[in-house]
Amino acid sequence: MTKSKKRDFSPDEFVVYPAHGVGKIVSIEEQEVAGITLELFVISFEKDKMTLRVPTHKATEVGMRSLSSPDVVSAAMKTLRGKAKVKKAMWSRRAQEYEQKINSGDLIAIAEVVRDLHRADDQREQSYSERQLYEAALERLTREIAAVGNGDETDAAKEIGDVLISRAA
């Protein structure tokens, strides 16, 4: 691997790793693994107290991407305003689909999960697994919207909550 190769990401940049959400590239380091020297992005996920090392040449292949543009964020908010699409399939099948959408790292797909699993106060209770998926999707959505808007997560959570409540009204 040559040093002159242009990298897609740089230190101090926020990125989205599909399986973990928004993280910050702390540094780019070289590490020897099984006799091969690899160049790695060191990504810190502050909330999860986790550090991930991703080979620079595999970053885009595994789905790592830059934060969404403000246009994508507004499309995701528009998705939240839509009517929930509840399929008649068995819960295990729907849960798998929701899990795939969350782990895809696609902000609009994550917004669809939040929209479909959101329950207003007057609706029936969610099952434990339904609530787990909803909270995971909501957290990913909130973190990315906060990172894009350079705001804090509390403001982003309030904005999402307002959209979901206004939809129910």
N, C-alpha and C. Protein backbone atom coordinates (compact mmCIF):
# COMPACT_ATOMS: atom_id res chain seq x y z
N MET A 1 0.85 -1.18 0.00
CA MET A 1 0.00 0.00 0.00
C MET A 1 0.89 1.24 0.00
N THR A 2 0.66 2.14 -0.89
CA THR A 2 1.52 3.31 -0.99
C THR A 2 0.97 4.46 -0.16
N LYS A 3 1.88 5.28 0.30
CA LYS A 3 1.52 6.43 1.14
C LYS A 3 0.80 7.51 0.32
N SER A 4 1.07 7.57 -0.98
CA SER A 4 0.52 8.63 -1.82
C SER A 4 -0.97 8.44 -2.14
N LYS A 5 -1.51 7.26 -1.83
CA LYS A 5 -2.92 6.99 -2.12
C LYS A 5 -3.81 7.97 -1.36
N LYS A 6 -4.76 8.57 -2.06
CA LYS A 6 -5.67 9.53 -1.43
C LYS A 6 -6.65 8.77 -0.54
N ARG A 7 -6.80 9.26 0.68
CA ARG A 7 -7.75 8.64 1.60
C ARG A 7 -9.07 9.38 1.52
N ASP A 8 -10.14 8.64 1.78
CA ASP A 8 -11.47 9.25 1.75
C ASP A 8 -11.78 9.98 3.05
N PHE A 9 -11.09 9.62 4.13
CA PHE A 9 -11.39 10.17 5.45
C PHE A 9 -10.11 10.69 6.09
N SER A 10 -10.27 11.62 7.02
CA SER A 10 -9.10 12.17 7.70
C SER A 10 -9.35 12.28 9.20
N PRO A 11 -8.28 12.41 10.00
CA PRO A 11 -8.45 12.52 11.46
C PRO A 11 -9.35 13.70 11.84
N ASP A 12 -10.02 13.57 12.97
CA ASP A 12 -10.95 14.56 13.53
C ASP A 12 -12.23 14.69 12.70
N GLU A 13 -12.46 13.77 11.78
CA GLU A 13 -13.67 13.79 10.96
C GLU A 13 -14.67 12.78 11.54
N PHE A 14 -15.95 13.16 11.56
CA PHE A 14 -16.98 12.23 11.99
C PHE A 14 -17.34 11.33 10.81
N VAL A 15 -17.51 10.05 11.08
CA VAL A 15 -17.89 9.09 10.04
C VAL A 15 -19.01 8.20 10.59
N VAL A 16 -19.67 7.50 9.68
CA VAL A 16 -20.71 6.54 10.09
C VAL A 16 -20.21 5.16 9.74
N TYR A 17 -20.12 4.30 10.75
CA TYR A 17 -19.77 2.90 10.54
C TYR A 17 -21.08 2.14 10.69
N PRO A 18 -21.52 1.42 9.65
CA PRO A 18 -22.87 0.84 9.65
C PRO A 18 -23.28 0.09 10.92
N ALA A 19 -22.42 -0.74 11.44
CA ALA A 19 -22.82 -1.55 12.59
C ALA A 19 -22.78 -0.79 13.93
N HIS A 20 -22.15 0.39 13.96
CA HIS A 20 -22.01 1.09 15.23
C HIS A 20 -22.49 2.53 15.24
N GLY A 21 -22.78 3.10 14.10
CA GLY A 21 -23.27 4.47 14.06
C GLY A 21 -22.15 5.49 13.91
N VAL A 22 -22.37 6.67 14.51
CA VAL A 22 -21.45 7.80 14.33
C VAL A 22 -20.24 7.67 15.26
N GLY A 23 -19.06 7.80 14.66
CA GLY A 23 -17.81 7.79 15.42
C GLY A 23 -16.90 8.87 14.88
N LYS A 24 -15.81 9.11 15.59
CA LYS A 24 -14.86 10.13 15.16
C LYS A 24 -13.51 9.48 14.90
N ILE A 25 -12.92 9.80 13.75
CA ILE A 25 -11.60 9.26 13.44
C ILE A 25 -10.60 10.00 14.32
N VAL A 26 -9.94 9.26 15.20
CA VAL A 26 -8.98 9.84 16.13
C VAL A 26 -7.62 9.98 15.46
N SER A 27 -7.23 8.94 14.71
CA SER A 27 -5.93 8.97 14.05
C SER A 27 -5.88 7.91 12.95
N ILE A 28 -4.78 7.95 12.21
CA ILE A 28 -4.50 6.92 11.23
C ILE A 28 -3.16 6.35 11.63
N GLU A 29 -3.13 5.05 11.88
CA GLU A 29 -1.88 4.45 12.36
C GLU A 29 -1.52 3.22 11.55
N GLU A 30 -0.26 2.83 11.68
CA GLU A 30 0.18 1.60 11.03
C GLU A 30 0.38 0.54 12.10
N GLN A 31 -0.02 -0.68 11.77
CA GLN A 31 0.09 -1.77 12.72
C GLN A 31 0.49 -3.02 11.95
N GLU A 32 1.34 -3.83 12.56
CA GLU A 32 1.76 -5.05 11.89
C GLU A 32 0.88 -6.20 12.36
N VAL A 33 0.24 -6.86 11.40
CA VAL A 33 -0.63 -7.99 11.71
C VAL A 33 -0.17 -9.17 10.85
N ALA A 34 0.24 -10.24 11.49
CA ALA A 34 0.70 -11.45 10.80
C ALA A 34 1.78 -11.14 9.76
N GLY A 35 2.71 -10.26 10.14
CA GLY A 35 3.82 -9.93 9.26
C GLY A 35 3.50 -8.93 8.16
N ILE A 36 2.26 -8.47 8.10
CA ILE A 36 1.86 -7.49 7.08
C ILE A 36 1.59 -6.16 7.78
N THR A 37 2.13 -5.09 7.23
CA THR A 37 1.89 -3.77 7.81
C THR A 37 0.61 -3.20 7.21
N LEU A 38 -0.32 -2.88 8.10
CA LEU A 38 -1.61 -2.32 7.67
C LEU A 38 -1.75 -0.88 8.13
N GLU A 39 -2.35 -0.07 7.29
CA GLU A 39 -2.68 1.29 7.67
C GLU A 39 -4.14 1.26 8.15
N LEU A 40 -4.38 1.79 9.35
CA LEU A 40 -5.70 1.67 9.96
C LEU A 40 -6.28 3.03 10.37
N PHE A 41 -7.59 3.18 10.19
CA PHE A 41 -8.31 4.31 10.77
C PHE A 41 -8.63 3.90 12.20
N VAL A 42 -8.34 4.76 13.16
CA VAL A 42 -8.71 4.50 14.55
C VAL A 42 -9.94 5.36 14.82
N ILE A 43 -11.08 4.69 15.03
CA ILE A 43 -12.35 5.39 15.20
C ILE A 43 -12.84 5.23 16.63
N SER A 44 -13.17 6.35 17.24
CA SER A 44 -13.65 6.33 18.61
C SER A 44 -15.16 6.54 18.64
N PHE A 45 -15.85 5.66 19.35
CA PHE A 45 -17.29 5.80 19.57
C PHE A 45 -17.45 6.18 21.04
N GLU A 46 -17.50 7.48 21.28
CA GLU A 46 -17.50 8.04 22.63
C GLU A 46 -18.61 7.46 23.50
N LYS A 47 -19.84 7.46 23.00
CA LYS A 47 -21.00 7.00 23.78
C LYS A 47 -20.86 5.54 24.20
N ASP A 48 -20.32 4.72 23.30
CA ASP A 48 -20.21 3.29 23.57
C ASP A 48 -18.90 2.93 24.26
N LYS A 49 -18.04 3.95 24.48
CA LYS A 49 -16.71 3.73 25.07
C LYS A 49 -15.99 2.61 24.31
N MET A 50 -15.94 2.79 22.99
CA MET A 50 -15.38 1.76 22.12
C MET A 50 -14.44 2.39 21.10
N THR A 51 -13.39 1.67 20.77
CA THR A 51 -12.47 2.10 19.72
C THR A 51 -12.44 0.99 18.67
N LEU A 52 -12.53 1.41 17.42
CA LEU A 52 -12.55 0.47 16.31
C LEU A 52 -11.39 0.80 15.39
N ARG A 53 -10.71 -0.23 14.89
CA ARG A 53 -9.64 -0.03 13.93
C ARG A 53 -10.06 -0.66 12.61
N VAL A 54 -10.10 0.16 11.57
CA VAL A 54 -10.55 -0.30 10.25
C VAL A 54 -9.43 -0.08 9.26
N PRO A 55 -9.01 -1.14 8.53
CA PRO A 55 -7.97 -0.96 7.51
C PRO A 55 -8.43 0.11 6.50
N THR A 56 -7.54 1.04 6.17
CA THR A 56 -7.91 2.15 5.28
C THR A 56 -8.39 1.66 3.92
N HIS A 57 -7.81 0.58 3.43
CA HIS A 57 -8.21 0.08 2.10
C HIS A 57 -9.55 -0.66 2.13
N LYS A 58 -10.06 -0.96 3.32
CA LYS A 58 -11.34 -1.68 3.44
C LYS A 58 -12.49 -0.78 3.89
N ALA A 59 -12.19 0.47 4.22
CA ALA A 59 -13.18 1.36 4.82
C ALA A 59 -14.47 1.48 4.01
N THR A 60 -14.35 1.82 2.74
CA THR A 60 -15.57 1.98 1.94
C THR A 60 -16.22 0.64 1.64
N GLU A 61 -15.41 -0.41 1.56
CA GLU A 61 -15.93 -1.75 1.30
C GLU A 61 -16.85 -2.22 2.42
N VAL A 62 -16.52 -1.88 3.68
CA VAL A 62 -17.35 -2.29 4.81
C VAL A 62 -18.51 -1.33 5.05
N GLY A 63 -18.60 -0.29 4.23
CA GLY A 63 -19.75 0.61 4.33
C GLY A 63 -19.51 1.87 5.12
N MET A 64 -18.27 2.10 5.56
CA MET A 64 -17.98 3.33 6.29
C MET A 64 -18.20 4.51 5.36
N ARG A 65 -18.84 5.56 5.88
CA ARG A 65 -19.14 6.72 5.04
C ARG A 65 -19.05 8.00 5.85
N SER A 66 -19.02 9.12 5.13
CA SER A 66 -19.05 10.42 5.78
C SER A 66 -20.46 10.66 6.32
N LEU A 67 -20.60 11.68 7.16
CA LEU A 67 -21.92 12.02 7.66
C LEU A 67 -22.84 12.37 6.49
N SER A 68 -24.12 12.20 6.71
CA SER A 68 -25.10 12.54 5.68
C SER A 68 -25.12 14.04 5.44
N SER A 69 -25.53 14.41 4.25
CA SER A 69 -25.65 15.84 3.92
C SER A 69 -26.94 16.37 4.56
N PRO A 70 -27.04 17.69 4.72
CA PRO A 70 -28.29 18.26 5.25
C PRO A 70 -29.52 17.86 4.43
N ASP A 71 -29.34 17.64 3.12
CA ASP A 71 -30.46 17.20 2.27
C ASP A 71 -30.96 15.82 2.69
N VAL A 72 -30.02 14.92 2.99
CA VAL A 72 -30.40 13.57 3.41
C VAL A 72 -31.08 13.64 4.77
N VAL A 73 -30.60 14.52 5.66
CA VAL A 73 -31.22 14.68 6.97
C VAL A 73 -32.66 15.17 6.82
N SER A 74 -32.89 16.13 5.93
CA SER A 74 -34.27 16.60 5.74
C SER A 74 -35.14 15.52 5.10
N ALA A 75 -34.56 14.70 4.23
CA ALA A 75 -35.32 13.57 3.66
C ALA A 75 -35.68 12.57 4.75
N ALA A 76 -34.76 12.35 5.69
CA ALA A 76 -35.02 11.44 6.81
C ALA A 76 -36.14 11.99 7.70
N MET A 77 -36.12 13.31 7.94
CA MET A 77 -37.17 13.93 8.75
C MET A 77 -38.52 13.84 8.02
N LYS A 78 -38.48 13.96 6.71
CA LYS A 78 -39.71 13.83 5.91
C LYS A 78 -40.24 12.40 6.03
N THR A 79 -39.33 11.43 6.03
CA THR A 79 -39.70 10.03 6.19
C THR A 79 -40.39 9.82 7.54
N LEU A 80 -39.86 10.46 8.59
CA LEU A 80 -40.46 10.35 9.92
C LEU A 80 -41.90 10.86 9.94
N ARG A 81 -42.16 11.90 9.15
CA ARG A 81 -43.51 12.50 9.12
C ARG A 81 -44.53 11.60 8.43
N GLY A 82 -44.04 10.64 7.63
CA GLY A 82 -44.94 9.77 6.87
C GLY A 82 -45.74 8.84 7.76
N LYS A 83 -46.64 8.13 7.13
CA LYS A 83 -47.48 7.17 7.84
C LYS A 83 -46.70 5.87 8.03
N ALA A 84 -46.82 5.31 9.22
CA ALA A 84 -46.11 4.06 9.53
C ALA A 84 -46.58 2.94 8.61
N LYS A 85 -45.64 2.19 8.09
CA LYS A 85 -45.96 1.06 7.22
C LYS A 85 -45.73 -0.22 8.03
N VAL A 86 -46.81 -0.78 8.52
CA VAL A 86 -46.69 -1.99 9.32
C VAL A 86 -47.07 -3.17 8.44
N LYS A 87 -46.10 -4.02 8.22
CA LYS A 87 -46.33 -5.20 7.37
C LYS A 87 -47.04 -6.27 8.19
N LYS A 88 -47.69 -7.15 7.49
CA LYS A 88 -48.43 -8.23 8.16
C LYS A 88 -47.57 -9.48 8.38
N ALA A 89 -46.30 -9.40 8.03
CA ALA A 89 -45.42 -10.55 8.20
C ALA A 89 -45.23 -10.87 9.68
N MET A 90 -44.72 -12.05 9.96
CA MET A 90 -44.46 -12.44 11.35
C MET A 90 -43.43 -11.50 11.96
N TRP A 91 -43.50 -11.32 13.29
CA TRP A 91 -42.60 -10.39 13.96
C TRP A 91 -41.13 -10.77 13.74
N SER A 92 -40.80 -12.04 13.77
CA SER A 92 -39.39 -12.43 13.61
C SER A 92 -38.84 -11.97 12.26
N ARG A 93 -39.67 -12.05 11.24
CA ARG A 93 -39.26 -11.63 9.90
C ARG A 93 -39.11 -10.10 9.85
N ARG A 94 -40.08 -9.39 10.43
CA ARG A 94 -40.01 -7.92 10.45
C ARG A 94 -38.81 -7.46 11.28
N ALA A 95 -38.58 -8.13 12.40
CA ALA A 95 -37.45 -7.76 13.27
C ALA A 95 -36.14 -7.89 12.52
N GLN A 96 -36.00 -8.94 11.73
CA GLN A 96 -34.80 -9.13 10.91
C GLN A 96 -34.63 -7.98 9.92
N GLU A 97 -35.72 -7.60 9.27
CA GLU A 97 -35.67 -6.50 8.31
C GLU A 97 -35.28 -5.19 9.00
N TYR A 98 -35.87 -4.94 10.17
CA TYR A 98 -35.55 -3.72 10.91
C TYR A 98 -34.07 -3.71 11.31
N GLU A 99 -33.58 -4.84 11.77
CA GLU A 99 -32.18 -4.98 12.17
C GLU A 99 -31.26 -4.68 10.99
N GLN A 100 -31.61 -5.21 9.82
CA GLN A 100 -30.81 -4.96 8.61
C GLN A 100 -30.80 -3.49 8.25
N LYS A 101 -31.96 -2.83 8.36
CA LYS A 101 -32.04 -1.41 8.05
C LYS A 101 -31.17 -0.60 9.02
N ILE A 102 -31.23 -0.94 10.30
CA ILE A 102 -30.44 -0.21 11.30
C ILE A 102 -28.95 -0.38 11.00
N ASN A 103 -28.54 -1.62 10.72
CA ASN A 103 -27.12 -1.90 10.49
C ASN A 103 -26.64 -1.52 9.09
N SER A 104 -27.57 -1.08 8.22
CA SER A 104 -27.16 -0.66 6.88
C SER A 104 -26.41 0.67 6.96
N GLY A 105 -26.69 1.45 8.01
CA GLY A 105 -26.06 2.76 8.14
C GLY A 105 -26.75 3.82 7.30
N ASP A 106 -27.80 3.43 6.56
CA ASP A 106 -28.53 4.37 5.71
C ASP A 106 -29.50 5.17 6.58
N LEU A 107 -29.31 6.47 6.64
CA LEU A 107 -30.10 7.33 7.53
C LEU A 107 -31.60 7.25 7.24
N ILE A 108 -31.97 7.19 5.99
CA ILE A 108 -33.39 7.14 5.64
C ILE A 108 -34.00 5.80 6.05
N ALA A 109 -33.26 4.71 5.87
CA ALA A 109 -33.74 3.39 6.30
C ALA A 109 -33.92 3.36 7.82
N ILE A 110 -32.99 3.99 8.54
CA ILE A 110 -33.09 4.06 10.00
C ILE A 110 -34.32 4.88 10.40
N ALA A 111 -34.56 5.98 9.68
CA ALA A 111 -35.74 6.81 9.95
C ALA A 111 -37.02 6.01 9.72
N GLU A 112 -37.02 5.12 8.71
CA GLU A 112 -38.19 4.27 8.46
C GLU A 112 -38.46 3.36 9.66
N VAL A 113 -37.40 2.81 10.25
CA VAL A 113 -37.56 1.94 11.41
C VAL A 113 -38.15 2.73 12.58
N VAL A 114 -37.62 3.93 12.82
CA VAL A 114 -38.14 4.77 13.91
C VAL A 114 -39.62 5.07 13.66
N ARG A 115 -39.94 5.47 12.43
CA ARG A 115 -41.32 5.80 12.07
C ARG A 115 -42.25 4.60 12.29
N ASP A 116 -41.83 3.43 11.80
CA ASP A 116 -42.69 2.24 11.88
C ASP A 116 -42.86 1.70 13.29
N LEU A 117 -41.85 1.88 14.14
CA LEU A 117 -41.93 1.31 15.49
C LEU A 117 -42.36 2.32 16.56
N HIS A 118 -42.47 3.60 16.18
CA HIS A 118 -42.90 4.61 17.15
C HIS A 118 -44.33 4.35 17.62
N ARG A 119 -44.53 4.46 18.93
CA ARG A 119 -45.86 4.28 19.51
C ARG A 119 -46.27 5.55 20.23
N ALA A 120 -47.46 6.06 19.91
CA ALA A 120 -48.00 7.19 20.65
C ALA A 120 -48.48 6.66 22.01
N ASP A 121 -48.70 7.55 22.95
CA ASP A 121 -49.10 7.15 24.30
C ASP A 121 -50.39 6.32 24.32
N ASP A 122 -51.30 6.61 23.38
CA ASP A 122 -52.59 5.93 23.39
C ASP A 122 -52.57 4.59 22.64
N GLN A 123 -51.42 4.21 22.08
CA GLN A 123 -51.34 2.94 21.36
C GLN A 123 -50.87 1.83 22.29
N ARG A 124 -51.01 0.60 21.80
CA ARG A 124 -50.63 -0.56 22.63
C ARG A 124 -49.15 -0.53 22.98
N GLU A 125 -48.81 -1.24 24.04
CA GLU A 125 -47.42 -1.33 24.51
C GLU A 125 -46.55 -2.06 23.49
N GLN A 126 -45.27 -1.71 23.48
CA GLN A 126 -44.34 -2.42 22.62
C GLN A 126 -43.79 -3.63 23.36
N SER A 127 -43.45 -4.66 22.60
CA SER A 127 -42.78 -5.81 23.21
C SER A 127 -41.34 -5.39 23.51
N TYR A 128 -40.65 -6.19 24.30
CA TYR A 128 -39.27 -5.87 24.67
C TYR A 128 -38.39 -5.75 23.42
N SER A 129 -38.49 -6.72 22.51
CA SER A 129 -37.62 -6.70 21.32
C SER A 129 -37.97 -5.53 20.40
N GLU A 130 -39.26 -5.19 20.33
CA GLU A 130 -39.69 -4.05 19.53
C GLU A 130 -39.09 -2.76 20.09
N ARG A 131 -39.15 -2.62 21.41
CA ARG A 131 -38.60 -1.43 22.07
C ARG A 131 -37.09 -1.34 21.89
N GLN A 132 -36.40 -2.49 21.96
CA GLN A 132 -34.95 -2.51 21.77
C GLN A 132 -34.57 -2.01 20.37
N LEU A 133 -35.27 -2.49 19.36
CA LEU A 133 -34.99 -2.08 17.99
C LEU A 133 -35.32 -0.60 17.80
N TYR A 134 -36.44 -0.17 18.36
CA TYR A 134 -36.84 1.24 18.25
C TYR A 134 -35.79 2.15 18.88
N GLU A 135 -35.34 1.79 20.08
CA GLU A 135 -34.36 2.63 20.77
C GLU A 135 -33.01 2.64 20.06
N ALA A 136 -32.61 1.50 19.49
CA ALA A 136 -31.34 1.44 18.74
C ALA A 136 -31.43 2.35 17.51
N ALA A 137 -32.54 2.27 16.78
CA ALA A 137 -32.72 3.10 15.59
C ALA A 137 -32.79 4.57 15.96
N LEU A 138 -33.53 4.89 17.02
CA LEU A 138 -33.68 6.28 17.45
C LEU A 138 -32.33 6.87 17.86
N GLU A 139 -31.53 6.07 18.55
CA GLU A 139 -30.21 6.54 18.99
C GLU A 139 -29.30 6.81 17.80
N ARG A 140 -29.28 5.92 16.81
CA ARG A 140 -28.45 6.13 15.61
C ARG A 140 -28.89 7.39 14.87
N LEU A 141 -30.22 7.54 14.71
CA LEU A 141 -30.76 8.69 14.01
C LEU A 141 -30.40 9.99 14.74
N THR A 142 -30.59 9.98 16.04
CA THR A 142 -30.31 11.16 16.86
C THR A 142 -28.83 11.55 16.79
N ARG A 143 -27.95 10.57 16.92
CA ARG A 143 -26.51 10.86 16.88
C ARG A 143 -26.08 11.46 15.56
N GLU A 144 -26.58 10.89 14.46
CA GLU A 144 -26.15 11.41 13.16
C GLU A 144 -26.73 12.80 12.90
N ILE A 145 -28.00 13.01 13.24
CA ILE A 145 -28.60 14.33 13.04
C ILE A 145 -27.87 15.37 13.89
N ALA A 146 -27.51 15.00 15.12
CA ALA A 146 -26.76 15.92 16.00
C ALA A 146 -25.39 16.23 15.39
N ALA A 147 -24.70 15.21 14.89
CA ALA A 147 -23.36 15.41 14.31
C ALA A 147 -23.42 16.26 13.04
N VAL A 148 -24.43 16.05 12.22
CA VAL A 148 -24.57 16.84 10.98
C VAL A 148 -24.85 18.30 11.31
N GLY A 149 -25.71 18.52 12.29
CA GLY A 149 -26.10 19.88 12.65
C GLY A 149 -25.16 20.56 13.61
N ASN A 150 -24.04 19.91 13.95
CA ASN A 150 -23.08 20.43 14.93
C ASN A 150 -23.76 20.84 16.24
N GLY A 151 -24.91 20.25 16.49
CA GLY A 151 -25.64 20.55 17.71
C GLY A 151 -25.40 19.46 18.72
N ASP A 152 -26.20 19.48 19.76
CA ASP A 152 -26.03 18.38 20.71
C ASP A 152 -27.19 17.40 20.54
N GLU A 153 -27.02 16.23 21.11
CA GLU A 153 -27.99 15.15 20.92
C GLU A 153 -29.33 15.47 21.55
N THR A 154 -29.35 16.28 22.61
CA THR A 154 -30.61 16.64 23.26
C THR A 154 -31.50 17.42 22.29
N ASP A 155 -30.90 18.38 21.57
CA ASP A 155 -31.67 19.16 20.59
C ASP A 155 -32.17 18.27 19.46
N ALA A 156 -31.31 17.38 18.98
CA ALA A 156 -31.70 16.48 17.89
C ALA A 156 -32.83 15.56 18.35
N ALA A 157 -32.73 15.04 19.56
CA ALA A 157 -33.76 14.14 20.10
C ALA A 157 -35.09 14.88 20.23
N LYS A 158 -35.03 16.13 20.66
CA LYS A 158 -36.25 16.94 20.80
C LYS A 158 -36.88 17.17 19.43
N GLU A 159 -36.04 17.49 18.44
CA GLU A 159 -36.53 17.73 17.08
C GLU A 159 -37.23 16.48 16.53
N ILE A 160 -36.60 15.33 16.71
CA ILE A 160 -37.18 14.05 16.24
C ILE A 160 -38.47 13.77 16.99
N GLY A 161 -38.46 13.97 18.31
CA GLY A 161 -39.65 13.74 19.13
C GLY A 161 -40.81 14.64 18.69
N ASP A 162 -40.50 15.91 18.41
CA ASP A 162 -41.54 16.84 17.95
C ASP A 162 -42.17 16.37 16.64
N VAL A 163 -41.33 15.89 15.72
CA VAL A 163 -41.83 15.41 14.43
C VAL A 163 -42.75 14.19 14.65
N LEU A 164 -42.32 13.26 15.51
CA LEU A 164 -43.11 12.06 15.75
C LEU A 164 -44.44 12.39 16.44
N ILE A 165 -44.40 13.34 17.37
CA ILE A 165 -45.63 13.73 18.08
C ILE A 165 -46.59 14.46 17.14
N SER A 166 -46.05 15.36 16.31
CA SER A 166 -46.90 16.12 15.39
C SER A 166 -47.55 15.19 14.37
N ARG A 167 -46.86 14.11 14.03
CA ARG A 167 -47.40 13.14 13.09
C ARG A 167 -48.61 12.43 13.70
N ALA A 168 -48.53 12.15 14.99
CA ALA A 168 -49.60 11.43 15.66
C ALA A 168 -50.84 12.30 15.85
N ALA A 169 -50.64 13.61 15.88
CA ALA A 169 -51.76 14.53 16.13
C ALA A 169 -52.74 14.60 14.98
